[in-house]
Every structure is written in structure tokens, then in C-alpha cells.
C-alpha atoms as a PDB file:
ATOM      1  CA  MET A   1     117.108 100.569 110.616  1.00  0.00           C
ATOM      2  CA  VAL A   2     120.497 102.185 111.261  1.00  0.00           C
ATOM      3  CA  GLY A   3     122.402  99.613 109.223  1.00  0.00           C
ATOM      4  CA  ASN A   4     119.867  99.819 106.428  1.00  0.00           C
ATOM      5  CA  PHE A   5     120.233 103.607 106.388  1.00  0.00           C
ATOM      6  CA  MET A   6     124.017 103.620 106.233  1.00  0.00           C
ATOM      7  CA  ALA A   7     124.591 100.467 104.152  1.00  0.00           C
ATOM      8  CA  ASP A   8     125.580 102.267 100.948  1.00  0.00           C
ATOM      9  CA  SER A   9     128.466 103.866 102.823  1.00  0.00           C
ATOM     10  CA  VAL A  10     129.748 100.591 104.259  1.00  0.00           C
ATOM     11  CA  LYS A  11     131.873  98.633 101.828  1.00  0.00           C
ATOM     12  CA  GLY A  12     132.609  94.923 101.889  1.00  0.00           C
ATOM     13  CA  SER A  13     133.470  93.365 105.221  1.00  0.00           C
ATOM     14  CA  SER A  14     133.918  96.699 106.987  1.00  0.00           C
ATOM     15  CA  SER A  15     130.464  96.064 108.462  1.00  0.00           C
ATOM     16  CA  ALA A  16     132.207  93.829 111.024  1.00  0.00           C
ATOM     17  CA  GLN A  17     133.076  96.917 113.077  1.00  0.00           C
ATOM     18  CA  PHE A  18     129.402  97.584 113.861  1.00  0.00           C
ATOM     19  CA  SER A  19     127.022  96.051 116.408  1.00  0.00           C
ATOM     20  CA  PRO A  20     125.079  92.914 115.470  1.00  0.00           C
ATOM     21  CA  GLY A  21     121.861  94.910 114.983  1.00  0.00           C
ATOM     22  CA  ILE A  22     123.514  97.361 112.610  1.00  0.00           C
ATOM     23  CA  ARG A  23     125.116  94.471 110.700  1.00  0.00           C
ATOM     24  CA  GLU A  24     121.668  92.914 110.310  1.00  0.00           C
ATOM     25  CA  GLY A  25     120.392  96.196 108.857  1.00  0.00           C
ATOM     26  CA  ILE A  26     123.271  96.308 106.395  1.00  0.00           C
ATOM     27  CA  LYS A  27     122.548  92.701 105.464  1.00  0.00           C
ATOM     28  CA  LEU A  28     118.877  93.560 104.908  1.00  0.00           C
ATOM     29  CA  HIS A  29     119.758  96.537 102.706  1.00  0.00           C
ATOM     30  CA  ARG A  30     122.059  94.395 100.581  1.00  0.00           C
ATOM     31  CA  ALA A  31     119.432  91.659 100.276  1.00  0.00           C
ATOM     32  CA  ILE A  32     116.875  94.208  99.100  1.00  0.00           C
ATOM     33  CA  ASP A  33     119.326  95.604  96.540  1.00  0.00           C
ATOM     34  CA  THR A  34     120.109  92.110  95.243  1.00  0.00           C
ATOM     35  CA  TYR A  35     116.446  91.230  94.934  1.00  0.00           C
ATOM     36  CA  MET A  36     115.615  94.493  93.155  1.00  0.00           C
ATOM     37  CA  ASP A  37     118.538  94.132  90.753  1.00  0.00           C
ATOM     38  CA  ALA A  38     117.118  90.868  89.390  1.00  0.00           C
ATOM     39  CA  HIS A  39     113.371  91.473  89.631  1.00  0.00           C
ATOM     40  CA  GLU A  40     111.611  91.498  86.245  1.00  0.00           C
ATOM     41  CA  THR A  41     109.281  94.384  87.116  1.00  0.00           C
ATOM     42  CA  VAL A  42     112.152  96.543  88.345  1.00  0.00           C
ATOM     43  CA  LEU A  43     114.093  95.605  85.217  1.00  0.00           C
ATOM     44  CA  LYS A  44     111.227  97.023  83.123  1.00  0.00           C
ATOM     45  CA  SER A  45     111.501 100.322  84.973  1.00  0.00           C
ATOM     46  CA  LYS A  46     115.295 100.334  84.585  1.00  0.00           C
ATOM     47  CA  GLU A  47     115.095  99.568  80.874  1.00  0.00           C
ATOM     48  CA  ARG A  48     112.841 102.581  80.302  1.00  0.00           C
ATOM     49  CA  LEU A  49     115.418 104.683  82.156  1.00  0.00           C
ATOM     50  CA  ARG A  50     118.555 103.172  80.623  1.00  0.00           C
ATOM     51  CA  LYS A  51     118.819 105.477  77.594  1.00  0.00           C
ATOM     52  CA  PRO A  52     118.449 108.810  79.423  1.00  0.00           C
ATOM     53  CA  PHE A  53     120.294 107.846  82.628  1.00  0.00           C
ATOM     54  CA  GLY A  54     122.661 105.022  81.692  1.00  0.00           C
ATOM     55  CA  LYS A  55     124.293 103.332  84.661  1.00  0.00           C
ATOM     56  CA  TYR A  56     122.311 105.613  86.995  1.00  0.00           C
ATOM     57  CA  ALA A  57     118.999 104.018  85.949  1.00  0.00           C
ATOM     58  CA  PRO A  58     118.882 101.775  89.074  1.00  0.00           C
ATOM     59  CA  VAL A  59     119.360 104.814  91.329  1.00  0.00           C
ATOM     60  CA  VAL A  60     116.517 106.646  89.562  1.00  0.00           C
ATOM     61  CA  VAL A  61     114.243 103.611  89.918  1.00  0.00           C
ATOM     62  CA  ASP A  62     114.956 103.451  93.661  1.00  0.00           C
ATOM     63  CA  VAL A  63     113.960 107.084  94.099  1.00  0.00           C
ATOM     64  CA  PHE A  64     110.856 106.740  91.918  1.00  0.00           C
ATOM     65  CA  TYR A  65     109.738 103.741  93.948  1.00  0.00           C
ATOM     66  CA  ASP A  66     110.438 105.680  97.164  1.00  0.00           C
ATOM     67  CA  HIS A  67     108.103 108.352  95.791  1.00  0.00           C
ATOM     68  CA  PHE A  68     105.245 105.893  95.387  1.00  0.00           C
ATOM     69  CA  LEU A  69     105.881 104.393  98.810  1.00  0.00           C
ATOM     70  CA  ALA A  70     105.738 107.839 100.414  1.00  0.00           C
ATOM     71  CA  LEU A  71     102.744 108.901  98.349  1.00  0.00           C
ATOM     72  CA  HIS A  72     100.750 105.790  99.324  1.00  0.00           C
ATOM     73  CA  TRP A  73     102.193 105.470 102.813  1.00  0.00           C
ATOM     74  CA  ASN A  74      98.772 105.236 104.458  1.00  0.00           C
ATOM     75  CA  GLU A  75      98.210 101.927 102.621  1.00  0.00           C
ATOM     76  CA  PHE A  76     101.221 100.408 104.405  1.00  0.00           C
ATOM     77  CA  SER A  77     101.163 102.000 107.852  1.00  0.00           C
ATOM     78  CA  GLU A  78      98.713 103.234 110.426  1.00  0.00           C
ATOM     79  CA  ARG A  79     101.093 106.071 111.353  1.00  0.00           C
ATOM     80  CA  SER A  80     101.055 109.117 109.171  1.00  0.00           C
ATOM     81  CA  LEU A  81     104.045 109.728 106.914  1.00  0.00           C
ATOM     82  CA  ARG A  82     104.725 112.955 108.804  1.00  0.00           C
ATOM     83  CA  ASP A  83     104.821 111.198 112.195  1.00  0.00           C
ATOM     84  CA  TYR A  84     106.911 108.348 110.831  1.00  0.00           C
ATOM     85  CA  THR A  85     109.528 110.563 109.185  1.00  0.00           C
ATOM     86  CA  ASN A  86     109.861 112.716 112.297  1.00  0.00           C
ATOM     87  CA  GLU A  87     110.393 109.577 114.401  1.00  0.00           C
ATOM     88  CA  ILE A  88     113.012 108.301 111.947  1.00  0.00           C
ATOM     89  CA  TYR A  89     114.943 111.593 112.023  1.00  0.00           C
ATOM     90  CA  VAL A  90     115.016 111.549 115.836  1.00  0.00           C
ATOM     91  CA  PHE A  91     115.874 107.865 116.048  1.00  0.00           C
ATOM     92  CA  LEU A  92     118.741 108.068 113.541  1.00  0.00           C
ATOM     93  CA  LYS A  93     120.224 111.122 115.239  1.00  0.00           C
ATOM     94  CA  GLN A  94     121.177 108.937 118.232  1.00  0.00           C
ATOM     95  CA  TYR A  95     123.483 106.949 115.946  1.00  0.00           C
ATOM     96  CA  TYR A  96     125.072 109.893 114.178  1.00  0.00           C
ATOM     97  CA  PRO A  97     128.478 109.324 115.828  1.00  0.00           C
ATOM     98  CA  VAL A  98     128.728 105.783 114.386  1.00  0.00           C
ATOM     99  CA  PHE A  99     127.731 106.804 110.864  1.00  0.00           C
ATOM    100  CA  PRO A 100     130.484 106.871 108.249  1.00  0.00           C
ATOM    101  CA  LEU A 101     131.252 110.455 107.134  1.00  0.00           C
ATOM    102  CA  ARG A 102     129.280 110.035 103.906  1.00  0.00           C
ATOM    103  CA  THR A 103     126.222 108.937 105.894  1.00  0.00           C
ATOM    104  CA  GLN A 104     126.625 111.849 108.324  1.00  0.00           C
ATOM    105  CA  ARG A 105     126.585 114.267 105.371  1.00  0.00           C
ATOM    106  CA  PHE A 106     123.521 112.609 103.906  1.00  0.00           C
ATOM    107  CA  TYR A 107     121.739 112.649 107.276  1.00  0.00           C
ATOM    108  CA  ASP A 108     122.382 116.401 107.593  1.00  0.00           C
ATOM    109  CA  TYR A 109     121.079 116.966 104.062  1.00  0.00           C
ATOM    110  CA  MET A 110     118.083 114.687 104.659  1.00  0.00           C
ATOM    111  CA  LEU A 111     117.144 116.577 107.806  1.00  0.00           C
ATOM    112  CA  GLN A 112     117.689 120.029 106.326  1.00  0.00           C
ATOM    113  CA  TYR A 113     115.427 119.330 103.351  1.00  0.00           C
ATOM    114  CA  ASP A 114     113.041 116.877 105.058  1.00  0.00           C
ATOM    115  CA  ILE A 115     113.864 114.380 102.321  1.00  0.00           C
ATOM    116  CA  LEU A 116     111.866 111.436 103.628  1.00  0.00           C
ATOM    117  CA  PHE A 117     108.656 113.428 103.716  1.00  0.00           C
ATOM    118  CA  SER A 118     109.403 115.305 100.502  1.00  0.00           C
ATOM    119  CA  TYR A 119     109.557 112.048  98.524  1.00  0.00           C
ATOM    120  CA  SER A 120     105.766 112.169  98.410  1.00  0.00           C
ATOM    121  CA  LYS A 121     105.872 115.146  96.041  1.00  0.00           C
ATOM    122  CA  ILE A 122     107.322 115.509  92.541  1.00  0.00           C
ATOM    123  CA  GLU A 123     109.136 118.649  93.731  1.00  0.00           C
ATOM    124  CA  GLY A 124     110.810 116.610  96.457  1.00  0.00           C
ATOM    125  CA  ILE A 125     111.914 114.008  93.932  1.00  0.00           C
ATOM    126  CA  ASP A 126     113.266 116.771  91.714  1.00  0.00           C
ATOM    127  CA  ARG A 127     115.283 118.256  94.604  1.00  0.00           C
ATOM    128  CA  VAL A 128     116.767 114.860  95.502  1.00  0.00           C
ATOM    129  CA  MET A 129     117.646 114.057  91.909  1.00  0.00           C
ATOM    130  CA  GLN A 130     119.186 117.498  91.338  1.00  0.00           C
ATOM    131  CA  GLY A 131     121.417 116.883  94.349  1.00  0.00           C
ATOM    132  CA  MET A 132     122.375 113.413  93.166  1.00  0.00           C
ATOM    133  CA  ALA A 133     123.224 114.772  89.725  1.00  0.00           C
ATOM    134  CA  ARG A 134     125.556 117.350  91.267  1.00  0.00           C
ATOM    135  CA  ARG A 135     127.337 114.688  93.303  1.00  0.00           C
ATOM    136  CA  ALA A 136     127.559 112.081  90.522  1.00  0.00           C
ATOM    137  CA  ARG A 137     131.061 111.290  89.361  1.00  0.00           C
ATOM    138  CA  PHE A 138     129.967 111.114  85.730  1.00  0.00           C
ATOM    139  CA  GLU A 139     127.379 112.885  83.594  1.00  0.00           C
ATOM    140  CA  SER A 140     124.156 111.303  84.811  1.00  0.00           C
ATOM    141  CA  GLY A 141     121.230 113.266  83.446  1.00  0.00           C
ATOM    142  CA  MET A 142     119.501 112.666  86.785  1.00  0.00           C
ATOM    143  CA  GLU A 143     118.675 116.352  87.002  1.00  0.00           C
ATOM    144  CA  HIS A 144     116.006 115.611  84.350  1.00  0.00           C
ATOM    145  CA  SER A 145     114.563 112.519  85.991  1.00  0.00           C
ATOM    146  CA  ALA A 146     111.568 114.216  87.635  1.00  0.00           C
ATOM    147  CA  LYS A 147     110.357 115.122  84.140  1.00  0.00           C
ATOM    148  CA  GLU A 148     110.685 111.463  83.154  1.00  0.00           C
ATOM    149  CA  LEU A 149     108.664 110.488  86.214  1.00  0.00           C
ATOM    150  CA  VAL A 150     105.866 112.827  85.177  1.00  0.00           C
ATOM    151  CA  VAL A 151     105.853 111.653  81.533  1.00  0.00           C
ATOM    152  CA  ASN A 152     105.655 107.939  82.420  1.00  0.00           C
ATOM    153  CA  TYR A 153     104.027 108.303  85.816  1.00  0.00           C
ATOM    154  CA  GLU A 154     101.360 105.629  85.410  1.00  0.00           C
ATOM    155  CA  ALA A 155     103.853 103.029  84.160  1.00  0.00           C
ATOM    156  CA  TYR A 156     106.166 103.565  87.156  1.00  0.00           C
ATOM    157  CA  LYS A 157     103.216 103.593  89.541  1.00  0.00           C
ATOM    158  CA  GLU A 158     101.944 100.304  88.134  1.00  0.00           C
ATOM    159  CA  GLU A 159     105.401  98.738  88.312  1.00  0.00           C
ATOM    160  CA  PHE A 160     105.849  99.858  91.906  1.00  0.00           C
ATOM    161  CA  SER A 161     102.393  98.524  92.809  1.00  0.00           C
ATOM    162  CA  SER A 162     103.311  95.161  91.311  1.00  0.00           C
ATOM    163  CA  PHE A 163     106.752  95.014  92.884  1.00  0.00           C
ATOM    164  CA  PHE A 164     106.173  96.260  96.429  1.00  0.00           C
ATOM    165  CA  PRO A 165     104.060  93.360  97.769  1.00  0.00           C
ATOM    166  CA  GLU A 166     106.671  90.964  96.368  1.00  0.00           C
ATOM    167  CA  ILE A 167     109.582  92.681  98.095  1.00  0.00           C
ATOM    168  CA  GLN A 168     107.594  92.664 101.342  1.00  0.00           C
ATOM    169  CA  GLN A 169     107.130  88.881 101.019  1.00  0.00           C
ATOM    170  CA  HIS A 170     110.777  88.411 100.142  1.00  0.00           C
ATOM    171  CA  ILE A 171     111.905  90.329 103.239  1.00  0.00           C
ATOM    172  CA  ARG A 172     109.623  88.251 105.460  1.00  0.00           C
ATOM    173  CA  ARG A 173     111.092  85.041 103.980  1.00  0.00           C
ATOM    174  CA  LEU A 174     114.641  86.243 104.688  1.00  0.00           C
ATOM    175  CA  ASN A 175     113.825  86.346 108.405  1.00  0.00           C
ATOM    176  CA  ILE A 176     116.386  89.083 108.994  1.00  0.00           C
ATOM    177  CA  GLN A 177     115.717  90.825 112.271  1.00  0.00           C
ATOM    178  CA  PRO A 178     116.510  94.495 111.499  1.00  0.00           C
ATOM    179  CA  ASN A 179     114.935  95.942 114.649  1.00  0.00           C
ATOM    180  CA  LYS A 180     117.690  94.841 117.033  1.00  0.00           C
END
């Protein structure tokens, strides 16, 4: 879980400095990204987003799919989303000292705005995307992405619903043990 959380801040082989469990989490995160990048359903979502968001379309898709996961959390877990997110915040805090600086900043932001729980609401998606737009190196348009989600909500929901069981199967086939 820790490696998965911080994977975007760990470049190349610098993951070697972390414990085996964290390296497995980084490996899992990268495998998920690779699978998503090539999946035909995800590509449909990205294509719809390509014109307004350009190279940031994959980022927007990730957040939209996170929205549907949070919104329909009770279909995937017996624990409530509220309980789960609180447990995640507490669990990750133990590893704060090993996080790269970028991950530490994101953790602070995530905790302050209760990002994991807020993904279940359009307002939460809007807040996240506004923040990403401010931090983007190039003009991204992401500050308008919540409006796009609302306009094409059913299409993204259907694409997520098609994709999510497949990514779950893919992760099981990888046999990566991220809970070390």
C-alpha cells in the first residue's frame, strides 16, 4: 500500500532504496498504470478527454475512475468508505518519514482535504482537479474537468464499470503481494 501510494514520486530504479514490501507496492502501481495505458475501455475514456485536456487526459481518467470506485465502494468492500479512508490515513502516517518530499506534500494535502473520501462527490473531484491544474507544468484545462465528468457522466460510469472487474482480474494474475 505504501509503495503504491508513493510510486509516482519514485523514478526508475530509485525504488531499490526501499524495503521489499514497498518495492512490491511500487511494482503493483506501475503494473496497473501499464495495464490502464493499453486497455481499450480506458482508451475510449482518454480519447473523449484528449481534446480538452491533451496530455493530461490519462490523469483525468484516473481521477474519474477513482470517483466511481469511491461512489460504489460498498460494492467492493464490506467496510464503509469512511472507515477505510480513515484507516488508510492512519496507516500511511506511520511511513511519512520514508516518503519522498513530493509524497509527503501530497499526504498532507490529502489529509487536510480528506481527498480519499471526497472522491465520492463531484465537488471533491472538482477540488482535486483544481489543485492539479494549479500544479501542472503546462496549461492543462483540468480545472474544467469536473464539468466534463457531469456532461458525460453515464459514459464514464459505464466505462469504469466495464474496466474495473478486468483490472481486478489482472492484478490477481500478477500475483504481486502488496500487503507485505
